[in-house]
Amino acid sequence: MRLPRLIRFLKIIKVLKQIKILRKYRWYKRFMNKLKMNAGITRMITGIIVTIVVTHLMACFWYLSAKILDFNPDTWVYRKGLLDADPLTLYLWSLYWSV
């Protein structure tokens, strides 16, 4: 039962490694040279982007954890009374709890 979760976790790690590989591409270096930002600002922007991506992934996982259980009475969707809510509302709730 935990094997699919491990596989998904490994996929997340691959995505984060690809972000590191991005720094090696020429077009990325040219883009950063055109912006003429110092290394500190570049690291800060990269950190913000990584934080947003990881938060999004955690929100998706939070929603998926309820969906796997078919929104039974033990899930957060049922407890908050969001069974008939639209997907955007469910995403915003899961984003709130992942933050």
C-alpha atoms as a PDB file:
ATOM      1  CA  MET A   1       0.000   0.000   0.000  1.00  0.00           C
ATOM      2  CA  ARG A   2       2.875   2.403   0.697  1.00  0.00           C
ATOM      3  CA  LEU A   3       4.746   1.586  -2.502  1.00  0.00           C
ATOM      4  CA  PRO A   4       2.680   3.970  -4.725  1.00  0.00           C
ATOM      5  CA  ARG A   5       3.294   6.768  -2.224  1.00  0.00           C
ATOM      6  CA  LEU A   6       7.023   6.096  -2.361  1.00  0.00           C
ATOM      7  CA  ILE A   7       6.960   6.201  -6.156  1.00  0.00           C
ATOM      8  CA  ARG A   8       5.134   9.553  -6.110  1.00  0.00           C
ATOM      9  CA  PHE A   9       7.638  10.898  -3.589  1.00  0.00           C
ATOM     10  CA  LEU A  10      10.505   9.846  -5.851  1.00  0.00           C
ATOM     11  CA  LYS A  11       8.852  11.668  -8.755  1.00  0.00           C
ATOM     12  CA  ILE A  12       8.731  14.843  -6.646  1.00  0.00           C
ATOM     13  CA  ILE A  13      12.436  14.481  -5.934  1.00  0.00           C
ATOM     14  CA  LYS A  14      13.109  14.136  -9.681  1.00  0.00           C
ATOM     15  CA  VAL A  15      11.245  17.407 -10.319  1.00  0.00           C
ATOM     16  CA  LEU A  16      13.346  19.191  -7.709  1.00  0.00           C
ATOM     17  CA  LYS A  17      16.537  17.803  -9.300  1.00  0.00           C
ATOM     18  CA  GLN A  18      15.405  19.119 -12.681  1.00  0.00           C
ATOM     19  CA  ILE A  19      15.163  22.597 -11.199  1.00  0.00           C
ATOM     20  CA  LYS A  20      18.834  22.317 -10.243  1.00  0.00           C
ATOM     21  CA  ILE A  21      19.693  21.132 -13.760  1.00  0.00           C
ATOM     22  CA  LEU A  22      17.925  24.203 -15.146  1.00  0.00           C
ATOM     23  CA  ARG A  23      20.813  26.388 -13.996  1.00  0.00           C
ATOM     24  CA  LYS A  24      23.152  24.703 -16.476  1.00  0.00           C
ATOM     25  CA  TYR A  25      21.237  25.715 -19.606  1.00  0.00           C
ATOM     26  CA  ARG A  26      22.468  28.587 -21.748  1.00  0.00           C
ATOM     27  CA  TRP A  27      19.088  30.278 -22.133  1.00  0.00           C
ATOM     28  CA  TYR A  28      18.674  30.362 -18.352  1.00  0.00           C
ATOM     29  CA  LYS A  29      22.090  31.987 -17.940  1.00  0.00           C
ATOM     30  CA  ARG A  30      21.351  34.535 -20.673  1.00  0.00           C
ATOM     31  CA  PHE A  31      18.030  35.372 -19.055  1.00  0.00           C
ATOM     32  CA  MET A  32      19.681  35.919 -15.676  1.00  0.00           C
ATOM     33  CA  ASN A  33      22.449  38.011 -17.248  1.00  0.00           C
ATOM     34  CA  LYS A  34      19.861  40.243 -18.924  1.00  0.00           C
ATOM     35  CA  LEU A  35      18.148  40.801 -15.603  1.00  0.00           C
ATOM     36  CA  LYS A  36      21.518  41.730 -14.068  1.00  0.00           C
ATOM     37  CA  MET A  37      20.609  40.648 -10.569  1.00  0.00           C
ATOM     38  CA  ASN A  38      23.136  39.758  -7.956  1.00  0.00           C
ATOM     39  CA  ALA A  39      23.402  36.205  -6.663  1.00  0.00           C
ATOM     40  CA  GLY A  40      21.464  36.907  -3.475  1.00  0.00           C
ATOM     41  CA  ILE A  41      18.368  38.113  -5.296  1.00  0.00           C
ATOM     42  CA  THR A  42      18.590  35.204  -7.728  1.00  0.00           C
ATOM     43  CA  ARG A  43      18.725  32.734  -4.841  1.00  0.00           C
ATOM     44  CA  MET A  44      15.815  34.463  -3.167  1.00  0.00           C
ATOM     45  CA  ILE A  45      13.644  34.287  -6.304  1.00  0.00           C
ATOM     46  CA  THR A  46      14.624  30.654  -6.849  1.00  0.00           C
ATOM     47  CA  GLY A  47      13.728  29.895  -3.231  1.00  0.00           C
ATOM     48  CA  ILE A  48      10.336  31.548  -3.616  1.00  0.00           C
ATOM     49  CA  ILE A  49       9.586  29.572  -6.771  1.00  0.00           C
ATOM     50  CA  VAL A  50      10.637  26.298  -5.146  1.00  0.00           C
ATOM     51  CA  THR A  51       8.488  27.122  -2.104  1.00  0.00           C
ATOM     52  CA  ILE A  52       5.456  27.769  -4.315  1.00  0.00           C
ATOM     53  CA  VAL A  53       5.958  24.518  -6.226  1.00  0.00           C
ATOM     54  CA  VAL A  54       6.423  22.449  -3.056  1.00  0.00           C
ATOM     55  CA  THR A  55       3.381  24.079  -1.434  1.00  0.00           C
ATOM     56  CA  HIS A  56       1.318  23.290  -4.539  1.00  0.00           C
ATOM     57  CA  LEU A  57       2.475  19.666  -4.467  1.00  0.00           C
ATOM     58  CA  MET A  58       1.623  19.364  -0.778  1.00  0.00           C
ATOM     59  CA  ALA A  59      -1.836  20.852  -1.426  1.00  0.00           C
ATOM     60  CA  CYS A  60      -2.384  18.296  -4.182  1.00  0.00           C
ATOM     61  CA  PHE A  61      -1.275  15.536  -1.839  1.00  0.00           C
ATOM     62  CA  TRP A  62      -3.594  16.835   0.888  1.00  0.00           C
ATOM     63  CA  TYR A  63      -6.554  16.710  -1.512  1.00  0.00           C
ATOM     64  CA  LEU A  64      -5.463  13.313  -2.839  1.00  0.00           C
ATOM     65  CA  SER A  65      -5.360  11.879   0.672  1.00  0.00           C
ATOM     66  CA  ALA A  66      -9.079  12.638   1.034  1.00  0.00           C
ATOM     67  CA  LYS A  67      -9.934  11.510  -2.490  1.00  0.00           C
ATOM     68  CA  ILE A  68      -8.231   8.120  -2.038  1.00  0.00           C
ATOM     69  CA  LEU A  69     -10.592   7.450   0.872  1.00  0.00           C
ATOM     70  CA  ASP A  70     -13.614   8.486  -1.273  1.00  0.00           C
ATOM     71  CA  PHE A  71     -14.363  11.435   1.027  1.00  0.00           C
ATOM     72  CA  ASN A  72     -15.602   9.190   3.833  1.00  0.00           C
ATOM     73  CA  PRO A  73     -16.546  10.714   7.225  1.00  0.00           C
ATOM     74  CA  ASP A  74     -12.938  10.510   8.457  1.00  0.00           C
ATOM     75  CA  THR A  75     -11.610  12.950   5.828  1.00  0.00           C
ATOM     76  CA  TRP A  76     -11.210  16.692   6.103  1.00  0.00           C
ATOM     77  CA  VAL A  77     -13.551  17.288   3.138  1.00  0.00           C
ATOM     78  CA  TYR A  78     -16.443  15.596   4.918  1.00  0.00           C
ATOM     79  CA  ARG A  79     -15.686  17.219   8.283  1.00  0.00           C
ATOM     80  CA  LYS A  80     -15.653  20.716   6.762  1.00  0.00           C
ATOM     81  CA  GLY A  81     -18.860  20.072   4.804  1.00  0.00           C
ATOM     82  CA  LEU A  82     -17.214  20.510   1.423  1.00  0.00           C
ATOM     83  CA  LEU A  83     -18.565  17.418  -0.327  1.00  0.00           C
ATOM     84  CA  ASP A  84     -20.484  19.458  -2.917  1.00  0.00           C
ATOM     85  CA  ALA A  85     -17.858  22.205  -3.282  1.00  0.00           C
ATOM     86  CA  ASP A  86     -16.272  23.045  -6.611  1.00  0.00           C
ATOM     87  CA  PRO A  87     -12.654  21.967  -7.303  1.00  0.00           C
ATOM     88  CA  LEU A  88     -11.266  25.492  -6.827  1.00  0.00           C
ATOM     89  CA  THR A  89     -12.703  25.696  -3.317  1.00  0.00           C
ATOM     90  CA  LEU A  90     -11.275  22.293  -2.450  1.00  0.00           C
ATOM     91  CA  TYR A  91      -7.874  23.325  -3.825  1.00  0.00           C
ATOM     92  CA  LEU A  92      -7.887  26.563  -1.820  1.00  0.00           C
ATOM     93  CA  TRP A  93      -8.786  24.682   1.376  1.00  0.00           C
ATOM     94  CA  SER A  94      -6.037  22.140   0.778  1.00  0.00           C
ATOM     95  CA  LEU A  95      -3.585  24.933  -0.048  1.00  0.00           C
ATOM     96  CA  TYR A  96      -4.522  26.670   3.196  1.00  0.00           C
ATOM     97  CA  TRP A  97      -3.861  23.519   5.231  1.00  0.00           C
ATOM     98  CA  SER A  98      -0.630  22.728   3.395  1.00  0.00           C
ATOM     99  CA  VAL A  99       0.746  26.174   4.206  1.00  0.00           C
END
